Structures are given as C-alpha cells and as structure tokens.
Amino acid sequence: MTARPEMVRREAGPNGQNIGGLVSEVTSDLSQLVRDEVQLAKAELKEKGKEAGVGAGLFGGASTLALYGVGVLIAAAILGLATALPAWLSALIVAAVVFAVAAVAALLGKRHVTRATPPVPQRAVDGVHEDLEALKGHQPEGKTIA
C-alpha cells in the first residue's frame, strides 16, 4: 500500500511538521524538563544539607555546654555536702551517685540495643517468604486459603 499525498498532508501538524517531528520535540522537551527537575532537586538538597549541618553544629555546641553545666551542678552538690561532711567524702558520695545513674542508663541502653538487633525487619521478611510460597502454590503452615 502506498500513501497518497493528501494523507501525508493530513498527518502534518499545525506548523507543517509531521508527527515524527512533533514526537521528537515532545521527547526532547520532556527530557529537558526531567533534567531541570533533577538540577532543582540537587540544589534544594544542597541547601537543606547546609541547614542541617549548621543545625547539627549548634546542637553539638549546646550539648557541650549542657555537659559543662552538669559538671558545675556536680561540683555544687559536692560543695553542698561538704558543709556537713569532709570534702573528700562529699566528692566520693556524689561520684558514687553519678556512677550508679550511669550504670542504670547503660543497662537500659543495652536492653534496647539487644531488642533492636539484628536490624532485619523480620515480620516483613516472613511476609515476603509467605507471599513467595503462595505464588508457588504452597500453603503456609497453619494457614487456610479463604
């Protein structure tokens, strides 16, 4: 079958371009749009990264100052106890309390870390295994197909 000239003219676009040229132009424009969006995302992430870095630095400085503040409070507790007890005994009592609080925090932290390891989403993995078995046509143990 051969195309007649009037059929070819009808396939031309409003500017006299054919369909292939229009598709090529749309593809090129879409490609450029995606590249521009990626560049915009990169610029936005860079800006947010800078903000996050400044925020992290400020948090670090604040935590350092808070640590010094805790040290001053510990010194104040020692000096307060020193009015009733010898200074060395006051320091020893405050140190024992600080170490006891640290030990409790360490044990609680260890319990939480133990509960979180291994870092594998076990329920999700089990669900995937069940789905794979179902796709193979096997029925999981203890489950009925409704």
N, C-alpha and C. Protein backbone atom coordinates (compact mmCIF):
# COMPACT_ATOMS: atom_id res chain seq x y z
N MET A 1 0.82 -1.17 0.00
CA MET A 1 0.00 0.00 0.00
C MET A 1 0.87 1.24 0.00
N THR A 2 0.59 2.18 -0.81
CA THR A 2 1.34 3.43 -0.85
C THR A 2 0.49 4.54 -0.28
N ALA A 3 1.16 5.50 0.38
CA ALA A 3 0.45 6.63 0.98
C ALA A 3 0.18 7.66 -0.10
N ARG A 4 -1.01 8.18 -0.09
CA ARG A 4 -1.36 9.22 -1.05
C ARG A 4 -0.93 10.57 -0.50
N PRO A 5 -0.59 11.54 -1.35
CA PRO A 5 -0.11 12.85 -0.90
C PRO A 5 -1.08 13.55 0.05
N GLU A 6 -2.42 13.42 -0.18
CA GLU A 6 -3.35 14.11 0.71
C GLU A 6 -3.34 13.49 2.11
N MET A 7 -3.02 12.18 2.23
CA MET A 7 -2.92 11.53 3.53
C MET A 7 -1.69 12.06 4.29
N VAL A 8 -0.61 12.27 3.56
CA VAL A 8 0.60 12.77 4.18
C VAL A 8 0.38 14.19 4.68
N ARG A 9 -0.32 14.99 3.92
CA ARG A 9 -0.60 16.36 4.33
C ARG A 9 -1.46 16.41 5.59
N ARG A 10 -2.38 15.48 5.74
CA ARG A 10 -3.25 15.47 6.92
C ARG A 10 -2.47 15.10 8.18
N GLU A 11 -1.39 14.34 8.01
CA GLU A 11 -0.59 13.93 9.16
C GLU A 11 0.33 15.05 9.64
N ALA A 12 0.44 16.10 8.88
CA ALA A 12 1.32 17.20 9.26
C ALA A 12 0.66 18.00 10.38
N GLY A 13 1.49 18.54 11.29
CA GLY A 13 1.00 19.32 12.41
C GLY A 13 0.63 20.72 11.98
N PRO A 14 0.28 21.57 12.93
CA PRO A 14 -0.16 22.93 12.61
C PRO A 14 0.94 23.79 12.03
N ASN A 15 2.19 23.50 12.34
CA ASN A 15 3.30 24.29 11.79
C ASN A 15 3.89 23.64 10.54
N GLY A 16 3.23 22.66 10.04
CA GLY A 16 3.74 21.96 8.88
C GLY A 16 4.68 20.83 9.24
N GLN A 17 4.90 20.55 10.54
CA GLN A 17 5.75 19.45 10.95
C GLN A 17 4.96 18.15 10.87
N ASN A 18 5.69 17.09 10.66
CA ASN A 18 5.00 15.80 10.65
C ASN A 18 4.93 15.25 12.08
N ILE A 19 4.22 14.18 12.28
CA ILE A 19 4.01 13.59 13.60
C ILE A 19 5.34 13.17 14.22
N GLY A 20 6.24 12.62 13.44
CA GLY A 20 7.54 12.20 13.95
C GLY A 20 8.31 13.37 14.53
N GLY A 21 8.27 14.50 13.87
CA GLY A 21 8.96 15.70 14.38
C GLY A 21 8.34 16.18 15.68
N LEU A 22 7.01 16.13 15.77
CA LEU A 22 6.34 16.55 16.99
C LEU A 22 6.68 15.61 18.16
N VAL A 23 6.69 14.31 17.87
CA VAL A 23 7.03 13.34 18.92
C VAL A 23 8.48 13.56 19.37
N SER A 24 9.36 13.82 18.41
CA SER A 24 10.75 14.08 18.74
C SER A 24 10.88 15.33 19.60
N GLU A 25 10.13 16.36 19.27
CA GLU A 25 10.18 17.60 20.03
C GLU A 25 9.62 17.40 21.45
N VAL A 26 8.53 16.66 21.57
CA VAL A 26 7.94 16.39 22.88
C VAL A 26 8.92 15.56 23.73
N THR A 27 9.56 14.57 23.11
CA THR A 27 10.52 13.75 23.82
C THR A 27 11.69 14.59 24.30
N SER A 28 12.18 15.49 23.46
CA SER A 28 13.28 16.37 23.83
C SER A 28 12.87 17.31 24.97
N ASP A 29 11.68 17.88 24.87
CA ASP A 29 11.20 18.78 25.92
C ASP A 29 11.02 18.04 27.25
N LEU A 30 10.49 16.84 27.18
CA LEU A 30 10.30 16.05 28.39
C LEU A 30 11.64 15.70 29.02
N SER A 31 12.60 15.35 28.18
CA SER A 31 13.94 15.04 28.67
C SER A 31 14.55 16.26 29.35
N GLN A 32 14.41 17.42 28.75
CA GLN A 32 14.94 18.66 29.34
C GLN A 32 14.23 18.98 30.64
N LEU A 33 12.93 18.76 30.69
CA LEU A 33 12.15 19.01 31.91
C LEU A 33 12.64 18.12 33.05
N VAL A 34 12.89 16.85 32.75
CA VAL A 34 13.39 15.93 33.78
C VAL A 34 14.76 16.37 34.26
N ARG A 35 15.65 16.76 33.34
CA ARG A 35 16.98 17.23 33.73
C ARG A 35 16.88 18.48 34.62
N ASP A 36 15.99 19.40 34.25
CA ASP A 36 15.81 20.62 35.05
C ASP A 36 15.29 20.29 36.44
N GLU A 37 14.36 19.34 36.53
CA GLU A 37 13.82 18.94 37.84
C GLU A 37 14.91 18.30 38.70
N VAL A 38 15.77 17.50 38.08
CA VAL A 38 16.86 16.87 38.83
C VAL A 38 17.83 17.94 39.34
N GLN A 39 18.13 18.93 38.52
CA GLN A 39 19.01 20.02 38.95
C GLN A 39 18.38 20.80 40.10
N LEU A 40 17.08 21.04 40.02
CA LEU A 40 16.39 21.74 41.09
C LEU A 40 16.43 20.93 42.38
N ALA A 41 16.23 19.62 42.27
CA ALA A 41 16.28 18.75 43.45
C ALA A 41 17.68 18.76 44.06
N LYS A 42 18.72 18.73 43.22
CA LYS A 42 20.09 18.78 43.73
C LYS A 42 20.34 20.08 44.48
N ALA A 43 19.91 21.19 43.90
CA ALA A 43 20.12 22.49 44.54
C ALA A 43 19.37 22.56 45.87
N GLU A 44 18.15 22.05 45.89
CA GLU A 44 17.36 22.07 47.12
C GLU A 44 18.00 21.20 48.20
N LEU A 45 18.48 20.01 47.81
CA LEU A 45 19.12 19.12 48.78
C LEU A 45 20.42 19.73 49.30
N LYS A 46 21.15 20.42 48.45
CA LYS A 46 22.39 21.07 48.88
C LYS A 46 22.08 22.14 49.92
N GLU A 47 21.05 22.93 49.66
CA GLU A 47 20.65 23.98 50.59
C GLU A 47 20.18 23.38 51.92
N LYS A 48 19.38 22.32 51.85
CA LYS A 48 18.91 21.68 53.07
C LYS A 48 20.06 21.01 53.82
N GLY A 49 21.05 20.48 53.09
CA GLY A 49 22.21 19.88 53.72
C GLY A 49 23.01 20.91 54.51
N LYS A 50 23.16 22.11 53.94
CA LYS A 50 23.87 23.17 54.65
C LYS A 50 23.12 23.53 55.93
N GLU A 51 21.80 23.67 55.83
CA GLU A 51 20.99 24.00 57.00
C GLU A 51 21.11 22.91 58.07
N ALA A 52 21.08 21.65 57.63
CA ALA A 52 21.21 20.54 58.58
C ALA A 52 22.58 20.55 59.24
N GLY A 53 23.61 20.88 58.49
CA GLY A 53 24.96 20.96 59.05
C GLY A 53 25.07 22.04 60.11
N VAL A 54 24.51 23.21 59.82
CA VAL A 54 24.53 24.30 60.80
C VAL A 54 23.75 23.88 62.05
N GLY A 55 22.58 23.26 61.84
CA GLY A 55 21.78 22.80 62.97
C GLY A 55 22.50 21.77 63.81
N ALA A 56 23.19 20.83 63.15
CA ALA A 56 23.94 19.81 63.88
C ALA A 56 25.08 20.44 64.68
N GLY A 57 25.74 21.42 64.10
CA GLY A 57 26.81 22.11 64.81
C GLY A 57 26.28 22.84 66.04
N LEU A 58 25.13 23.49 65.90
CA LEU A 58 24.54 24.18 67.05
C LEU A 58 24.11 23.19 68.13
N PHE A 59 23.57 22.04 67.71
CA PHE A 59 23.21 21.00 68.69
C PHE A 59 24.46 20.50 69.41
N GLY A 60 25.54 20.32 68.68
CA GLY A 60 26.79 19.88 69.29
C GLY A 60 27.30 20.88 70.31
N GLY A 61 27.25 22.15 69.96
CA GLY A 61 27.67 23.19 70.90
C GLY A 61 26.78 23.23 72.13
N ALA A 62 25.48 23.09 71.92
CA ALA A 62 24.55 23.10 73.05
C ALA A 62 24.78 21.91 73.97
N SER A 63 25.04 20.75 73.38
CA SER A 63 25.28 19.57 74.23
C SER A 63 26.59 19.70 75.01
N THR A 64 27.60 20.32 74.41
CA THR A 64 28.85 20.56 75.13
C THR A 64 28.63 21.48 76.32
N LEU A 65 27.89 22.56 76.09
CA LEU A 65 27.59 23.48 77.19
C LEU A 65 26.75 22.80 78.27
N ALA A 66 25.81 21.96 77.87
CA ALA A 66 25.00 21.23 78.84
C ALA A 66 25.87 20.28 79.66
N LEU A 67 26.85 19.67 79.03
CA LEU A 67 27.77 18.80 79.76
C LEU A 67 28.56 19.58 80.80
N TYR A 68 29.03 20.77 80.42
CA TYR A 68 29.72 21.61 81.39
C TYR A 68 28.78 22.01 82.53
N GLY A 69 27.53 22.27 82.19
CA GLY A 69 26.54 22.61 83.21
C GLY A 69 26.33 21.48 84.20
N VAL A 70 26.30 20.25 83.71
CA VAL A 70 26.18 19.09 84.60
C VAL A 70 27.39 19.02 85.51
N GLY A 71 28.55 19.30 84.98
CA GLY A 71 29.77 19.31 85.80
C GLY A 71 29.69 20.34 86.91
N VAL A 72 29.16 21.51 86.59
CA VAL A 72 29.02 22.56 87.60
C VAL A 72 28.01 22.13 88.66
N LEU A 73 26.91 21.49 88.24
CA LEU A 73 25.92 21.00 89.22
C LEU A 73 26.53 19.94 90.13
N ILE A 74 27.35 19.08 89.57
CA ILE A 74 28.01 18.06 90.39
C ILE A 74 28.95 18.73 91.39
N ALA A 75 29.69 19.74 90.93
CA ALA A 75 30.57 20.47 91.84
C ALA A 75 29.77 21.15 92.94
N ALA A 76 28.61 21.71 92.57
CA ALA A 76 27.76 22.36 93.57
C ALA A 76 27.24 21.35 94.59
N ALA A 77 26.89 20.13 94.11
CA ALA A 77 26.44 19.10 95.04
C ALA A 77 27.56 18.71 96.00
N ILE A 78 28.76 18.60 95.49
CA ILE A 78 29.91 18.27 96.34
C ILE A 78 30.13 19.36 97.38
N LEU A 79 30.11 20.62 96.94
CA LEU A 79 30.31 21.73 97.87
C LEU A 79 29.19 21.81 98.91
N GLY A 80 27.97 21.49 98.48
CA GLY A 80 26.85 21.50 99.41
C GLY A 80 27.00 20.43 100.47
N LEU A 81 27.39 19.23 100.06
CA LEU A 81 27.61 18.17 101.05
C LEU A 81 28.82 18.45 101.92
N ALA A 82 29.77 19.20 101.40
CA ALA A 82 31.00 19.49 102.14
C ALA A 82 30.74 20.37 103.35
N THR A 83 29.59 21.01 103.40
CA THR A 83 29.27 21.82 104.58
C THR A 83 28.96 20.93 105.78
N ALA A 84 28.49 19.69 105.50
CA ALA A 84 28.13 18.78 106.58
C ALA A 84 29.13 17.65 106.74
N LEU A 85 29.85 17.31 105.69
CA LEU A 85 30.80 16.19 105.70
C LEU A 85 32.16 16.68 105.22
N PRO A 86 33.20 15.88 105.42
CA PRO A 86 34.50 16.26 104.84
C PRO A 86 34.41 16.33 103.30
N ALA A 87 35.18 17.18 102.66
CA ALA A 87 35.11 17.39 101.21
C ALA A 87 35.38 16.12 100.43
N TRP A 88 36.36 15.32 100.86
CA TRP A 88 36.66 14.08 100.13
C TRP A 88 35.49 13.11 100.19
N LEU A 89 34.78 13.05 101.32
CA LEU A 89 33.63 12.15 101.45
C LEU A 89 32.46 12.65 100.61
N SER A 90 32.29 13.95 100.55
CA SER A 90 31.23 14.54 99.71
C SER A 90 31.48 14.20 98.24
N ALA A 91 32.71 14.35 97.79
CA ALA A 91 33.06 14.03 96.40
C ALA A 91 32.85 12.56 96.13
N LEU A 92 33.20 11.70 97.08
CA LEU A 92 33.04 10.26 96.91
C LEU A 92 31.56 9.88 96.81
N ILE A 93 30.73 10.47 97.64
CA ILE A 93 29.28 10.18 97.61
C ILE A 93 28.68 10.64 96.28
N VAL A 94 29.00 11.84 95.85
CA VAL A 94 28.45 12.35 94.58
C VAL A 94 28.94 11.50 93.41
N ALA A 95 30.21 11.10 93.42
CA ALA A 95 30.73 10.25 92.34
C ALA A 95 30.01 8.91 92.31
N ALA A 96 29.73 8.33 93.48
CA ALA A 96 29.01 7.05 93.53
C ALA A 96 27.61 7.19 92.94
N VAL A 97 26.93 8.29 93.25
CA VAL A 97 25.58 8.52 92.70
C VAL A 97 25.65 8.69 91.18
N VAL A 98 26.63 9.45 90.71
CA VAL A 98 26.78 9.65 89.25
C VAL A 98 27.06 8.32 88.55
N PHE A 99 27.94 7.50 89.12
CA PHE A 99 28.24 6.20 88.51
C PHE A 99 27.03 5.26 88.56
N ALA A 100 26.23 5.33 89.61
CA ALA A 100 25.02 4.50 89.70
C ALA A 100 24.02 4.89 88.61
N VAL A 101 23.84 6.20 88.41
CA VAL A 101 22.93 6.66 87.35
C VAL A 101 23.48 6.23 85.98
N ALA A 102 24.78 6.32 85.78
CA ALA A 102 25.39 5.90 84.51
C ALA A 102 25.19 4.40 84.28
N ALA A 103 25.32 3.60 85.35
CA ALA A 103 25.15 2.15 85.21
C ALA A 103 23.71 1.79 84.82
N VAL A 104 22.75 2.45 85.45
CA VAL A 104 21.34 2.20 85.11
C VAL A 104 21.07 2.59 83.65
N ALA A 105 21.58 3.74 83.23
CA ALA A 105 21.39 4.17 81.84
C ALA A 105 22.05 3.19 80.88
N ALA A 106 23.23 2.69 81.21
CA ALA A 106 23.92 1.73 80.34
C ALA A 106 23.13 0.42 80.22
N LEU A 107 22.59 -0.05 81.34
CA LEU A 107 21.81 -1.30 81.29
C LEU A 107 20.54 -1.12 80.48
N LEU A 108 19.87 0.01 80.65
CA LEU A 108 18.67 0.26 79.85
C LEU A 108 19.02 0.38 78.37
N GLY A 109 20.12 1.07 78.07
CA GLY A 109 20.55 1.18 76.67
C GLY A 109 20.89 -0.17 76.07
N LYS A 110 21.57 -1.01 76.84
CA LYS A 110 21.92 -2.35 76.35
C LYS A 110 20.66 -3.16 76.05
N ARG A 111 19.65 -3.06 76.91
CA ARG A 111 18.41 -3.79 76.69
C ARG A 111 17.73 -3.34 75.39
N HIS A 112 17.71 -2.04 75.16
CA HIS A 112 17.09 -1.52 73.94
C HIS A 112 17.86 -1.93 72.69
N VAL A 113 19.18 -1.89 72.76
CA VAL A 113 20.00 -2.29 71.61
C VAL A 113 19.84 -3.78 71.33
N THR A 114 19.80 -4.60 72.39
CA THR A 114 19.62 -6.05 72.21
C THR A 114 18.28 -6.34 71.56
N ARG A 115 17.26 -5.60 71.98
CA ARG A 115 15.92 -5.80 71.40
C ARG A 115 15.88 -5.41 69.93
N ALA A 116 16.70 -4.47 69.53
CA ALA A 116 16.67 -3.95 68.16
C ALA A 116 17.56 -4.74 67.20
N THR A 117 18.39 -5.65 67.70
CA THR A 117 19.29 -6.39 66.82
C THR A 117 18.78 -7.80 66.62
N PRO A 118 19.03 -8.42 65.50
CA PRO A 118 19.66 -7.86 64.31
C PRO A 118 18.71 -6.88 63.61
N PRO A 119 19.26 -5.90 62.90
CA PRO A 119 18.42 -4.88 62.29
C PRO A 119 17.76 -5.37 61.00
N VAL A 120 17.02 -6.46 61.12
CA VAL A 120 16.32 -7.03 59.97
C VAL A 120 14.83 -6.95 60.27
N PRO A 121 14.04 -6.41 59.35
CA PRO A 121 12.59 -6.37 59.58
C PRO A 121 12.00 -7.78 59.45
N GLN A 122 12.09 -8.54 60.52
CA GLN A 122 11.77 -9.97 60.47
C GLN A 122 10.34 -10.23 60.02
N ARG A 123 9.37 -9.44 60.49
CA ARG A 123 7.98 -9.66 60.09
C ARG A 123 7.80 -9.44 58.59
N ALA A 124 8.47 -8.42 58.06
CA ALA A 124 8.37 -8.15 56.62
C ALA A 124 9.02 -9.27 55.82
N VAL A 125 10.16 -9.77 56.29
CA VAL A 125 10.84 -10.87 55.60
C VAL A 125 9.96 -12.11 55.62
N ASP A 126 9.35 -12.40 56.78
CA ASP A 126 8.46 -13.55 56.86
C ASP A 126 7.27 -13.39 55.92
N GLY A 127 6.74 -12.17 55.83
CA GLY A 127 5.62 -11.91 54.92
C GLY A 127 6.00 -12.14 53.47
N VAL A 128 7.21 -11.73 53.09
CA VAL A 128 7.68 -11.94 51.71
C VAL A 128 7.82 -13.43 51.44
N HIS A 129 8.37 -14.17 52.42
CA HIS A 129 8.50 -15.62 52.24
C HIS A 129 7.13 -16.27 52.07
N GLU A 130 6.15 -15.82 52.86
CA GLU A 130 4.80 -16.37 52.73
C GLU A 130 4.21 -16.05 51.36
N ASP A 131 4.43 -14.82 50.89
CA ASP A 131 3.92 -14.43 49.57
C ASP A 131 4.55 -15.28 48.48
N LEU A 132 5.87 -15.52 48.58
CA LEU A 132 6.55 -16.34 47.57
C LEU A 132 6.01 -17.76 47.57
N GLU A 133 5.78 -18.31 48.77
CA GLU A 133 5.23 -19.65 48.86
C GLU A 133 3.82 -19.69 48.27
N ALA A 134 3.04 -18.65 48.51
CA ALA A 134 1.68 -18.60 47.97
C ALA A 134 1.72 -18.53 46.44
N LEU A 135 2.69 -17.77 45.90
CA LEU A 135 2.80 -17.69 44.44
C LEU A 135 3.21 -19.02 43.84
N LYS A 136 4.00 -19.78 44.60
CA LYS A 136 4.41 -21.10 44.12
C LYS A 136 3.28 -22.11 44.25
N GLY A 137 2.25 -21.74 44.98
CA GLY A 137 1.12 -22.63 45.13
C GLY A 137 1.15 -23.43 46.41
N HIS A 138 2.10 -23.14 47.29
CA HIS A 138 2.18 -23.84 48.56
C HIS A 138 1.37 -23.08 49.60
N GLN A 139 0.79 -23.84 50.52
CA GLN A 139 0.02 -23.22 51.59
C GLN A 139 0.89 -23.15 52.84
N PRO A 140 1.02 -21.95 53.44
CA PRO A 140 1.82 -21.85 54.66
C PRO A 140 1.24 -22.70 55.78
N GLU A 141 2.12 -23.14 56.68
CA GLU A 141 1.68 -24.00 57.77
C GLU A 141 0.73 -23.25 58.68
N GLY A 142 -0.36 -23.90 59.04
CA GLY A 142 -1.31 -23.33 59.98
C GLY A 142 -2.22 -22.28 59.38
N LYS A 143 -2.15 -22.05 58.08
CA LYS A 143 -2.99 -21.03 57.46
C LYS A 143 -3.88 -21.69 56.44
N THR A 144 -5.07 -21.19 56.33
CA THR A 144 -6.02 -21.71 55.34
C THR A 144 -6.26 -20.64 54.28
N ILE A 145 -6.49 -21.10 53.08
CA ILE A 145 -6.77 -20.15 51.99
C ILE A 145 -8.27 -19.93 51.97
N ALA A 146 -8.67 -18.68 52.06
CA ALA A 146 -10.09 -18.35 52.10
C ALA A 146 -10.64 -18.20 50.71
